[in-house]
PDB file of N, CA and C in Angstrom:
ATOM      1  N   MET A   1     -44.725  23.740  -1.691  1.00  0.00           N
ATOM      2  CA  MET A   1     -44.414  22.512  -2.404  1.00  0.00           C
ATOM      3  C   MET A   1     -45.011  22.887  -3.852  1.00  0.00           C
ATOM      4  N   THR A   2     -44.209  22.267  -4.803  1.00  0.00           N
ATOM      5  CA  THR A   2     -44.739  22.561  -6.166  1.00  0.00           C
ATOM      6  C   THR A   2     -45.638  21.557  -6.723  1.00  0.00           C
ATOM      7  N   GLY A   3     -45.908  20.402  -6.121  1.00  0.00           N
ATOM      8  CA  GLY A   3     -47.190  19.496  -6.528  1.00  0.00           C
ATOM      9  C   GLY A   3     -46.389  18.553  -7.502  1.00  0.00           C
ATOM     10  N   ARG A   4     -45.183  18.558  -7.933  1.00  0.00           N
ATOM     11  CA  ARG A   4     -44.535  17.757  -8.905  1.00  0.00           C
ATOM     12  C   ARG A   4     -44.394  16.317  -8.364  1.00  0.00           C
ATOM     13  N   LYS A   5     -44.627  15.412  -9.372  1.00  0.00           N
ATOM     14  CA  LYS A   5     -44.564  13.905  -8.992  1.00  0.00           C
ATOM     15  C   LYS A   5     -43.103  13.504  -8.828  1.00  0.00           C
ATOM     16  N   PHE A   6     -43.028  12.424  -7.837  1.00  0.00           N
ATOM     17  CA  PHE A   6     -41.749  12.013  -7.552  1.00  0.00           C
ATOM     18  C   PHE A   6     -41.005  11.519  -8.895  1.00  0.00           C
ATOM     19  N   SER A   7     -41.647  10.956  -9.819  1.00  0.00           N
ATOM     20  CA  SER A   7     -41.043  10.270 -11.066  1.00  0.00           C
ATOM     21  C   SER A   7     -40.547  11.341 -11.924  1.00  0.00           C
ATOM     22  N   GLU A   8     -41.075  12.541 -11.736  1.00  0.00           N
ATOM     23  CA  GLU A   8     -40.472  13.785 -12.558  1.00  0.00           C
ATOM     24  C   GLU A   8     -39.233  14.188 -11.886  1.00  0.00           C
ATOM     25  N   VAL A   9     -39.241  14.355 -10.626  1.00  0.00           N
ATOM     26  CA  VAL A   9     -37.951  14.606 -10.027  1.00  0.00           C
ATOM     27  C   VAL A   9     -36.853  13.749 -10.208  1.00  0.00           C
ATOM     28  N   ARG A  10     -37.358  12.270 -10.207  1.00  0.00           N
ATOM     29  CA  ARG A  10     -36.318  11.358 -10.311  1.00  0.00           C
ATOM     30  C   ARG A  10     -35.759  11.320 -11.778  1.00  0.00           C
ATOM     31  N   LYS A  11     -36.388  11.713 -12.668  1.00  0.00           N
ATOM     32  CA  LYS A  11     -35.969  11.706 -14.002  1.00  0.00           C
ATOM     33  C   LYS A  11     -34.973  12.729 -14.081  1.00  0.00           C
ATOM     34  N   GLU A  12     -35.330  13.971 -13.488  1.00  0.00           N
ATOM     35  CA  GLU A  12     -34.428  15.101 -13.403  1.00  0.00           C
ATOM     36  C   GLU A  12     -33.074  14.671 -12.877  1.00  0.00           C
ATOM     37  N   ILE A  13     -33.145  14.006 -11.774  1.00  0.00           N
ATOM     38  CA  ILE A  13     -31.842  13.678 -11.151  1.00  0.00           C
ATOM     39  C   ILE A  13     -31.138  12.737 -11.926  1.00  0.00           C
ATOM     40  N   LEU A  14     -31.824  11.674 -12.377  1.00  0.00           N
ATOM     41  CA  LEU A  14     -31.085  10.646 -13.301  1.00  0.00           C
ATOM     42  C   LEU A  14     -30.482  11.365 -14.705  1.00  0.00           C
ATOM     43  N   ALA A  15     -31.059  12.259 -15.035  1.00  0.00           N
ATOM     44  CA  ALA A  15     -30.529  13.067 -16.312  1.00  0.00           C
ATOM     45  C   ALA A  15     -29.342  13.799 -15.923  1.00  0.00           C
ATOM     46  N   ASP A  16     -29.016  14.381 -14.761  1.00  0.00           N
ATOM     47  CA  ASP A  16     -27.815  15.111 -14.285  1.00  0.00           C
ATOM     48  C   ASP A  16     -26.749  14.163 -13.806  1.00  0.00           C
ATOM     49  N   PRO A  17     -25.670  13.961 -14.572  1.00  0.00           N
ATOM     50  CA  PRO A  17     -24.671  13.091 -14.141  1.00  0.00           C
ATOM     51  C   PRO A  17     -24.086  13.373 -12.777  1.00  0.00           C
ATOM     52  N   VAL A  18     -23.954  14.761 -12.491  1.00  0.00           N
ATOM     53  CA  VAL A  18     -23.328  15.194 -11.363  1.00  0.00           C
ATOM     54  C   VAL A  18     -24.371  14.785 -10.093  1.00  0.00           C
ATOM     55  N   ARG A  19     -25.584  15.168 -10.095  1.00  0.00           N
ATOM     56  CA  ARG A  19     -26.474  14.713  -9.152  1.00  0.00           C
ATOM     57  C   ARG A  19     -26.512  13.313  -9.050  1.00  0.00           C
ATOM     58  N   ARG A  20     -26.560  12.650 -10.207  1.00  0.00           N
ATOM     59  CA  ARG A  20     -26.692  11.008 -10.079  1.00  0.00           C
ATOM     60  C   ARG A  20     -25.592  10.391  -9.343  1.00  0.00           C
ATOM     61  N   GLU A  21     -24.373  10.954  -9.631  1.00  0.00           N
ATOM     62  CA  GLU A  21     -23.047  10.527  -9.073  1.00  0.00           C
ATOM     63  C   GLU A  21     -23.157  10.831  -7.468  1.00  0.00           C
ATOM     64  N   ARG A  22     -23.701  11.879  -7.207  1.00  0.00           N
ATOM     65  CA  ARG A  22     -23.660  12.186  -5.760  1.00  0.00           C
ATOM     66  C   ARG A  22     -24.499  11.364  -4.940  1.00  0.00           C
ATOM     67  N   ILE A  23     -25.684  11.105  -5.581  1.00  0.00           N
ATOM     68  CA  ILE A  23     -26.645  10.157  -4.941  1.00  0.00           C
ATOM     69  C   ILE A  23     -26.089   8.861  -4.941  1.00  0.00           C
ATOM     70  N   ASP A  24     -25.390   8.308  -6.022  1.00  0.00           N
ATOM     71  CA  ASP A  24     -25.026   6.980  -5.911  1.00  0.00           C
ATOM     72  C   ASP A  24     -24.079   6.785  -4.939  1.00  0.00           C
ATOM     73  N   ARG A  25     -23.042   7.685  -4.637  1.00  0.00           N
ATOM     74  CA  ARG A  25     -22.008   7.756  -3.569  1.00  0.00           C
ATOM     75  C   ARG A  25     -22.876   7.640  -2.155  1.00  0.00           C
ATOM     76  N   GLU A  26     -23.837   8.605  -2.045  1.00  0.00           N
ATOM     77  CA  GLU A  26     -24.599   8.444  -0.881  1.00  0.00           C
ATOM     78  C   GLU A  26     -25.225   7.098  -0.576  1.00  0.00           C
ATOM     79  N   LYS A  27     -25.670   6.473  -1.513  1.00  0.00           N
ATOM     80  CA  LYS A  27     -26.370   5.255  -1.461  1.00  0.00           C
ATOM     81  C   LYS A  27     -25.254   4.306  -1.038  1.00  0.00           C
ATOM     82  N   GLU A  28     -24.048   4.100  -1.626  1.00  0.00           N
ATOM     83  CA  GLU A  28     -23.067   3.314  -1.124  1.00  0.00           C
ATOM     84  C   GLU A  28     -22.644   3.534  -0.035  1.00  0.00           C
ATOM     85  N   ALA A  29     -22.643   4.773   0.481  1.00  0.00           N
ATOM     86  CA  ALA A  29     -22.076   5.057   1.849  1.00  0.00           C
ATOM     87  C   ALA A  29     -23.226   4.343   2.918  1.00  0.00           C
ATOM     88  N   MET A  30     -24.637   4.455   2.682  1.00  0.00           N
ATOM     89  CA  MET A  30     -25.535   3.943   3.454  1.00  0.00           C
ATOM     90  C   MET A  30     -25.375   2.424   3.437  1.00  0.00           C
ATOM     91  N   ARG A  31     -25.036   1.846   2.356  1.00  0.00           N
ATOM     92  CA  ARG A  31     -25.133   0.296   2.304  1.00  0.00           C
ATOM     93  C   ARG A  31     -24.044   0.019   3.164  1.00  0.00           C
ATOM     94  N   ALA A  32     -22.841   0.622   3.011  1.00  0.00           N
ATOM     95  CA  ALA A  32     -21.644   0.424   3.789  1.00  0.00           C
ATOM     96  C   ALA A  32     -21.869   0.355   5.247  1.00  0.00           C
ATOM     97  N   ALA A  33     -22.562   1.380   5.764  1.00  0.00           N
ATOM     98  CA  ALA A  33     -22.905   1.610   7.102  1.00  0.00           C
ATOM     99  C   ALA A  33     -23.724   0.550   7.683  1.00  0.00           C
ATOM    100  N   VAL A  34     -24.829   0.106   6.775  1.00  0.00           N
ATOM    101  CA  VAL A  34     -25.760  -1.089   7.415  1.00  0.00           C
ATOM    102  C   VAL A  34     -24.774  -2.239   7.218  1.00  0.00           C
ATOM    103  N   ARG A  35     -23.834  -2.473   6.319  1.00  0.00           N
ATOM    104  CA  ARG A  35     -23.073  -3.540   6.192  1.00  0.00           C
ATOM    105  C   ARG A  35     -22.150  -3.894   7.674  1.00  0.00           C
ATOM    106  N   LEU A  36     -21.598  -2.615   7.908  1.00  0.00           N
ATOM    107  CA  LEU A  36     -20.771  -2.589   9.070  1.00  0.00           C
ATOM    108  C   LEU A  36     -21.472  -2.915  10.386  1.00  0.00           C
ATOM    109  N   ALA A  37     -22.593  -2.089  10.416  1.00  0.00           N
ATOM    110  CA  ALA A  37     -23.259  -2.252  11.656  1.00  0.00           C
ATOM    111  C   ALA A  37     -23.911  -3.540  11.758  1.00  0.00           C
ATOM    112  N   SER A  38     -24.350  -4.187  10.868  1.00  0.00           N
ATOM    113  CA  SER A  38     -24.849  -5.501  10.761  1.00  0.00           C
ATOM    114  C   SER A  38     -23.957  -6.539  11.143  1.00  0.00           C
ATOM    115  N   ILE A  39     -22.602  -6.286  10.708  1.00  0.00           N
ATOM    116  CA  ILE A  39     -21.589  -7.138  11.298  1.00  0.00           C
ATOM    117  C   ILE A  39     -21.328  -6.938  12.796  1.00  0.00           C
ATOM    118  N   ARG A  40     -21.281  -5.760  13.204  1.00  0.00           N
ATOM    119  CA  ARG A  40     -21.172  -5.376  14.754  1.00  0.00           C
ATOM    120  C   ARG A  40     -22.243  -6.136  15.384  1.00  0.00           C
ATOM    121  N   GLU A  41     -23.572  -5.880  15.023  1.00  0.00           N
ATOM    122  CA  GLU A  41     -24.602  -6.475  15.692  1.00  0.00           C
ATOM    123  C   GLU A  41     -24.753  -7.875  15.596  1.00  0.00           C
ATOM    124  N   SER A  42     -24.386  -8.536  14.469  1.00  0.00           N
ATOM    125  CA  SER A  42     -24.327 -10.043  14.746  1.00  0.00           C
ATOM    126  C   SER A  42     -23.343 -10.638  15.468  1.00  0.00           C
ATOM    127  N   ARG A  43     -22.198  -9.922  16.004  1.00  0.00           N
ATOM    128  CA  ARG A  43     -21.340 -10.115  16.925  1.00  0.00           C
ATOM    129  C   ARG A  43     -21.924  -9.709  18.229  1.00  0.00           C
ATOM    130  N   SER A  44     -23.128  -9.334  18.527  1.00  0.00           N
ATOM    131  CA  SER A  44     -23.746  -8.878  19.848  1.00  0.00           C
ATOM    132  C   SER A  44     -22.788  -7.747  20.404  1.00  0.00           C
ATOM    133  N   THR A  45     -22.312  -6.963  19.632  1.00  0.00           N
ATOM    134  CA  THR A  45     -21.438  -5.735  20.134  1.00  0.00           C
ATOM    135  C   THR A  45     -22.179  -4.531  19.916  1.00  0.00           C
ATOM    136  N   THR A  46     -22.127  -3.624  20.963  1.00  0.00           N
ATOM    137  CA  THR A  46     -22.694  -2.172  20.698  1.00  0.00           C
ATOM    138  C   THR A  46     -21.579  -1.275  20.307  1.00  0.00           C
ATOM    139  N   GLN A  47     -21.950  -0.306  19.716  1.00  0.00           N
ATOM    140  CA  GLN A  47     -20.788   0.695  19.322  1.00  0.00           C
ATOM    141  C   GLN A  47     -19.882   0.977  20.400  1.00  0.00           C
ATOM    142  N   ALA A  48     -20.646   1.261  21.720  1.00  0.00           N
ATOM    143  CA  ALA A  48     -19.907   1.904  22.894  1.00  0.00           C
ATOM    144  C   ALA A  48     -18.801   0.575  23.272  1.00  0.00           C
ATOM    145  N   GLU A  49     -19.252  -0.638  23.214  1.00  0.00           N
ATOM    146  CA  GLU A  49     -18.470  -1.883  23.438  1.00  0.00           C
ATOM    147  C   GLU A  49     -17.173  -1.833  22.573  1.00  0.00           C
ATOM    148  N   LEU A  50     -17.593  -1.683  21.243  1.00  0.00           N
ATOM    149  CA  LEU A  50     -16.487  -1.888  20.273  1.00  0.00           C
ATOM    150  C   LEU A  50     -15.674  -0.700  20.448  1.00  0.00           C
ATOM    151  N   ALA A  51     -16.075   0.564  20.804  1.00  0.00           N
ATOM    152  CA  ALA A  51     -15.278   1.639  20.869  1.00  0.00           C
ATOM    153  C   ALA A  51     -14.194   1.554  22.153  1.00  0.00           C
ATOM    154  N   ALA A  52     -14.555   0.847  23.206  1.00  0.00           N
ATOM    155  CA  ALA A  52     -13.778   0.570  24.178  1.00  0.00           C
ATOM    156  C   ALA A  52     -12.645  -0.502  23.975  1.00  0.00           C
ATOM    157  N   VAL A  53     -12.948  -1.342  22.994  1.00  0.00           N
ATOM    158  CA  VAL A  53     -11.837  -2.324  22.475  1.00  0.00           C
ATOM    159  C   VAL A  53     -11.120  -1.505  21.680  1.00  0.00           C
ATOM    160  N   MET A  54     -11.562  -0.786  20.762  1.00  0.00           N
ATOM    161  CA  MET A  54     -10.542   0.258  20.015  1.00  0.00           C
ATOM    162  C   MET A  54      -9.913   1.187  20.434  1.00  0.00           C
ATOM    163  N   GLY A  55     -10.120   1.721  21.689  1.00  0.00           N
ATOM    164  CA  GLY A  55      -9.521   2.613  22.421  1.00  0.00           C
ATOM    165  C   GLY A  55     -10.203   4.036  21.671  1.00  0.00           C
ATOM    166  N   THR A  56     -11.387   4.156  21.419  1.00  0.00           N
ATOM    167  CA  THR A  56     -11.909   5.369  20.658  1.00  0.00           C
ATOM    168  C   THR A  56     -13.399   5.707  21.400  1.00  0.00           C
ATOM    169  N   THR A  57     -14.050   6.478  20.696  1.00  0.00           N
ATOM    170  CA  THR A  57     -15.390   6.913  21.353  1.00  0.00           C
ATOM    171  C   THR A  57     -16.426   6.203  20.451  1.00  0.00           C
ATOM    172  N   GLN A  58     -17.639   6.203  21.166  1.00  0.00           N
ATOM    173  CA  GLN A  58     -18.788   5.625  20.468  1.00  0.00           C
ATOM    174  C   GLN A  58     -18.999   6.494  19.218  1.00  0.00           C
ATOM    175  N   ALA A  59     -18.704   7.652  19.387  1.00  0.00           N
ATOM    176  CA  ALA A  59     -19.123   8.634  18.230  1.00  0.00           C
ATOM    177  C   ALA A  59     -18.143   8.280  17.053  1.00  0.00           C
ATOM    178  N   ASN A  60     -16.966   8.004  17.510  1.00  0.00           N
ATOM    179  CA  ASN A  60     -16.177   7.746  16.245  1.00  0.00           C
ATOM    180  C   ASN A  60     -16.282   6.235  15.538  1.00  0.00           C
ATOM    181  N   VAL A  61     -16.931   5.324  16.363  1.00  0.00           N
ATOM    182  CA  VAL A  61     -17.265   4.133  15.906  1.00  0.00           C
ATOM    183  C   VAL A  61     -18.524   4.356  14.823  1.00  0.00           C
ATOM    184  N   SER A  62     -19.532   5.214  15.386  1.00  0.00           N
ATOM    185  CA  SER A  62     -20.651   5.656  14.523  1.00  0.00           C
ATOM    186  C   SER A  62     -20.044   6.266  13.050  1.00  0.00           C
ATOM    187  N   ARG A  63     -19.104   7.185  13.353  1.00  0.00           N
ATOM    188  CA  ARG A  63     -18.382   7.791  11.980  1.00  0.00           C
ATOM    189  C   ARG A  63     -17.882   6.667  11.097  1.00  0.00           C
ATOM    190  N   ILE A  64     -17.063   5.972  11.763  1.00  0.00           N
ATOM    191  CA  ILE A  64     -16.781   4.603  10.768  1.00  0.00           C
ATOM    192  C   ILE A  64     -17.641   3.991  10.291  1.00  0.00           C
ATOM    193  N   GLU A  65     -18.894   3.735  10.775  1.00  0.00           N
ATOM    194  CA  GLU A  65     -19.833   2.860  10.102  1.00  0.00           C
ATOM    195  C   GLU A  65     -20.461   3.952   9.216  1.00  0.00           C
ATOM    196  N   HIS A  66     -20.387   5.148   9.210  1.00  0.00           N
ATOM    197  CA  HIS A  66     -21.236   6.004   8.133  1.00  0.00           C
ATOM    198  C   HIS A  66     -20.366   6.794   7.087  1.00  0.00           C
ATOM    199  N   THR A  67     -18.943   6.498   7.281  1.00  0.00           N
ATOM    200  CA  THR A  67     -18.085   7.131   6.237  1.00  0.00           C
ATOM    201  C   THR A  67     -18.231   6.344   4.758  1.00  0.00           C
ATOM    202  N   ASP A  68     -18.149   7.272   3.841  1.00  0.00           N
ATOM    203  CA  ASP A  68     -18.243   6.607   2.355  1.00  0.00           C
ATOM    204  C   ASP A  68     -17.114   5.868   1.892  1.00  0.00           C
ATOM    205  N   ASN A  69     -15.853   6.157   2.731  1.00  0.00           N
ATOM    206  CA  ASN A  69     -14.619   5.567   2.005  1.00  0.00           C
ATOM    207  C   ASN A  69     -13.618   5.688   3.211  1.00  0.00           C
ATOM    208  N   PRO A  70     -13.828   4.532   4.014  1.00  0.00           N
ATOM    209  CA  PRO A  70     -12.816   4.586   5.117  1.00  0.00           C
ATOM    210  C   PRO A  70     -11.631   3.930   4.752  1.00  0.00           C
ATOM    211  N   TYR A  71     -10.431   4.228   5.427  1.00  0.00           N
ATOM    212  CA  TYR A  71      -9.116   3.840   5.221  1.00  0.00           C
ATOM    213  C   TYR A  71      -9.175   2.217   5.644  1.00  0.00           C
ATOM    214  N   LEU A  72      -8.444   1.561   4.766  1.00  0.00           N
ATOM    215  CA  LEU A  72      -8.335   0.104   5.101  1.00  0.00           C
ATOM    216  C   LEU A  72      -7.877  -0.391   6.315  1.00  0.00           C
ATOM    217  N   SER A  73      -6.895   0.410   6.899  1.00  0.00           N
ATOM    218  CA  SER A  73      -6.312   0.184   8.234  1.00  0.00           C
ATOM    219  C   SER A  73      -7.619   0.544   9.255  1.00  0.00           C
ATOM    220  N   THR A  74      -8.140   1.592   8.979  1.00  0.00           N
ATOM    221  CA  THR A  74      -9.537   1.839   9.884  1.00  0.00           C
ATOM    222  C   THR A  74     -10.378   0.660   9.867  1.00  0.00           C
ATOM    223  N   LEU A  75     -10.800   0.141   8.803  1.00  0.00           N
ATOM    224  CA  LEU A  75     -11.684  -1.055   8.637  1.00  0.00           C
ATOM    225  C   LEU A  75     -11.035  -2.189   9.477  1.00  0.00           C
ATOM    226  N   ALA A  76      -9.788  -2.459   9.134  1.00  0.00           N
ATOM    227  CA  ALA A  76      -8.949  -3.627   9.787  1.00  0.00           C
ATOM    228  C   ALA A  76      -9.118  -3.346  11.293  1.00  0.00           C
ATOM    229  N   GLU A  77      -8.960  -2.287  11.907  1.00  0.00           N
ATOM    230  CA  GLU A  77      -9.033  -1.922  13.259  1.00  0.00           C
ATOM    231  C   GLU A  77     -10.395  -2.241  13.885  1.00  0.00           C
ATOM    232  N   TYR A  78     -11.507  -1.731  13.073  1.00  0.00           N
ATOM    233  CA  TYR A  78     -12.858  -2.094  13.267  1.00  0.00           C
ATOM    234  C   TYR A  78     -13.097  -3.468  13.369  1.00  0.00           C
ATOM    235  N   ILE A  79     -12.824  -4.292  12.353  1.00  0.00           N
ATOM    236  CA  ILE A  79     -12.985  -5.819  12.396  1.00  0.00           C
ATOM    237  C   ILE A  79     -12.121  -6.490  13.437  1.00  0.00           C
ATOM    238  N   ASP A  80     -10.950  -5.992  13.792  1.00  0.00           N
ATOM    239  CA  ASP A  80     -10.183  -6.552  14.702  1.00  0.00           C
ATOM    240  C   ASP A  80     -10.706  -6.224  16.133  1.00  0.00           C
ATOM    241  N   GLY A  81     -11.477  -5.264  16.355  1.00  0.00           N
ATOM    242  CA  GLY A  81     -11.980  -4.999  17.423  1.00  0.00           C
ATOM    243  C   GLY A  81     -13.287  -5.971  17.695  1.00  0.00           C
ATOM    244  N   LEU A  82     -13.715  -6.511  16.588  1.00  0.00           N
ATOM    245  CA  LEU A  82     -14.896  -7.517  16.813  1.00  0.00           C
ATOM    246  C   LEU A  82     -14.287  -8.919  16.825  1.00  0.00           C
ATOM    247  N   GLY A  83     -13.019  -8.995  16.797  1.00  0.00           N
ATOM    248  CA  GLY A  83     -12.434 -10.330  16.877  1.00  0.00           C
ATOM    249  C   GLY A  83     -12.086 -11.001  15.687  1.00  0.00           C
ATOM    250  N   GLY A  84     -12.168 -10.412  14.353  1.00  0.00           N
ATOM    251  CA  GLY A  84     -12.032 -10.743  13.202  1.00  0.00           C
ATOM    252  C   GLY A  84     -10.528 -10.194  12.656  1.00  0.00           C
ATOM    253  N   ARG A  85     -10.463 -10.393  11.115  1.00  0.00           N
ATOM    254  CA  ARG A  85      -9.394  -9.972  10.495  1.00  0.00           C
ATOM    255  C   ARG A  85     -10.087  -9.559   9.136  1.00  0.00           C
ATOM    256  N   LEU A  86      -9.405  -8.552   8.584  1.00  0.00           N
ATOM    257  CA  LEU A  86      -9.774  -7.891   7.339  1.00  0.00           C
ATOM    258  C   LEU A  86      -8.973  -8.647   6.347  1.00  0.00           C
ATOM    259  N   GLU A  87      -9.578  -9.062   5.211  1.00  0.00           N
ATOM    260  CA  GLU A  87      -8.703  -9.775   4.255  1.00  0.00           C
ATOM    261  C   GLU A  87      -9.265  -9.173   2.659  1.00  0.00           C
ATOM    262  N   ILE A  88      -8.342  -8.928   1.872  1.00  0.00           N
ATOM    263  CA  ILE A  88      -8.641  -8.404   0.582  1.00  0.00           C
ATOM    264  C   ILE A  88      -8.182  -9.276  -0.449  1.00  0.00           C
ATOM    265  N   ASN A  89      -9.028  -9.471  -1.531  1.00  0.00           N
ATOM    266  CA  ASN A  89      -8.857 -10.377  -2.410  1.00  0.00           C
ATOM    267  C   ASN A  89      -9.153  -9.599  -3.978  1.00  0.00           C
ATOM    268  N   ALA A  90      -8.272  -9.942  -4.894  1.00  0.00           N
ATOM    269  CA  ALA A  90      -8.460  -9.465  -6.439  1.00  0.00           C
ATOM    270  C   ALA A  90      -9.151 -10.715  -6.944  1.00  0.00           C
ATOM    271  N   VAL A  91     -10.256 -10.269  -7.425  1.00  0.00           N
ATOM    272  CA  VAL A  91     -11.033 -11.430  -8.060  1.00  0.00           C
ATOM    273  C   VAL A  91     -11.298 -11.269  -9.498  1.00  0.00           C
ATOM    274  N   PHE A  92     -10.936 -12.387 -10.246  1.00  0.00           N
ATOM    275  CA  PHE A  92     -10.880 -12.267 -11.618  1.00  0.00           C
ATOM    276  C   PHE A  92     -11.722 -13.583 -12.045  1.00  0.00           C
ATOM    277  N   ASP A  93     -12.023 -13.704 -13.448  1.00  0.00           N
ATOM    278  CA  ASP A  93     -12.907 -14.724 -13.888  1.00  0.00           C
ATOM    279  C   ASP A  93     -12.200 -15.815 -13.670  1.00  0.00           C
ATOM    280  N   ASP A  94     -10.966 -16.007 -13.719  1.00  0.00           N
ATOM    281  CA  ASP A  94     -10.411 -17.452 -13.767  1.00  0.00           C
ATOM    282  C   ASP A  94      -9.602 -17.570 -12.427  1.00  0.00           C
ATOM    283  N   GLU A  95      -9.387 -16.620 -11.380  1.00  0.00           N
ATOM    284  CA  GLU A  95      -8.723 -16.842 -10.353  1.00  0.00           C
ATOM    285  C   GLU A  95      -8.972 -15.847  -9.296  1.00  0.00           C
ATOM    286  N   VAL A  96      -8.777 -16.091  -7.945  1.00  0.00           N
ATOM    287  CA  VAL A  96      -8.706 -15.151  -6.870  1.00  0.00           C
ATOM    288  C   VAL A  96      -7.398 -14.921  -6.230  1.00  0.00           C
ATOM    289  N   VAL A  97      -6.948 -13.780  -6.255  1.00  0.00           N
ATOM    290  CA  VAL A  97      -5.471 -13.615  -5.826  1.00  0.00           C
ATOM    291  C   VAL A  97      -5.682 -12.832  -4.436  1.00  0.00           C
ATOM    292  N   SER A  98      -5.163 -13.334  -3.269  1.00  0.00           N
ATOM    293  CA  SER A  98      -5.320 -12.914  -2.003  1.00  0.00           C
ATOM    294  C   SER A  98      -4.295 -11.731  -1.904  1.00  0.00           C
ATOM    295  N   LEU A  99      -4.736 -10.502  -1.363  1.00  0.00           N
ATOM    296  CA  LEU A  99      -3.668  -9.344  -1.336  1.00  0.00           C
ATOM    297  C   LEU A  99      -3.215  -9.303   0.129  1.00  0.00           C
ATOM    298  N   SER A 100      -3.486 -10.536   0.891  1.00  0.00           N
ATOM    299  CA  SER A 100      -3.046 -10.790   2.278  1.00  0.00           C
ATOM    300  C   SER A 100      -3.757  -9.901   3.355  1.00  0.00           C
ATOM    301  N   GLU A 101      -3.706 -10.164   4.533  1.00  0.00           N
ATOM    302  CA  GLU A 101      -4.469  -9.725   5.589  1.00  0.00           C
ATOM    303  C   GLU A 101      -3.949  -8.259   5.767  1.00  0.00           C
ATOM    304  N   ILE A 102      -4.937  -7.388   5.991  1.00  0.00           N
ATOM    305  CA  ILE A 102      -4.613  -6.189   6.390  1.00  0.00           C
ATOM    306  C   ILE A 102      -4.684  -6.067   7.788  1.00  0.00           C
ATOM    307  N   GLN A 103      -3.433  -5.440   8.333  1.00  0.00           N
ATOM    308  CA  GLN A 103      -3.193  -5.375   9.773  1.00  0.00           C
ATOM    309  C   GLN A 103      -3.677  -4.095  10.302  1.00  0.00           C
ATOM    310  N   PRO A 104      -4.477  -4.208  11.490  1.00  0.00           N
ATOM    311  CA  PRO A 104      -4.707  -2.791  12.061  1.00  0.00           C
ATOM    312  C   PRO A 104      -3.368  -2.158  12.718  1.00  0.00           C
ATOM    313  N   ALA A 105      -3.476  -0.836  12.637  1.00  0.00           N
ATOM    314  CA  ALA A 105      -2.433   0.162  12.958  1.00  0.00           C
ATOM    315  C   ALA A 105      -2.188   0.351  14.428  1.00  0.00           C
ATOM    316  N   HIS A 106      -2.408  -0.916  15.352  1.00  0.00           N
ATOM    317  CA  HIS A 106      -2.078  -0.537  16.790  1.00  0.00           C
ATOM    318  C   HIS A 106      -0.651  -0.039  16.873  1.00  0.00           C
TER     319      HIS A 106
END
């Protein structure tokens, strides 16, 4: 260990745009995983149960929850497996435009 303070390391990372972008992507992936897992858990569904409904493996459900940029069709299938539907909207200051429901790729 070098004995450097965390604040010094943090300043170094924030000063390097490549490192900062990588960390920002990783943070967003973690947030997305927590959101998907939270939705699943709020529906009282385990990864294994969702996997059975989706016709996939528990490991694949975990991968979906932890990917930083899943396909919309994959998200639609995930939400469909929980009994919901995925909707996408374009949101502007003066209006919200529905881009329609995204259908799972069954």
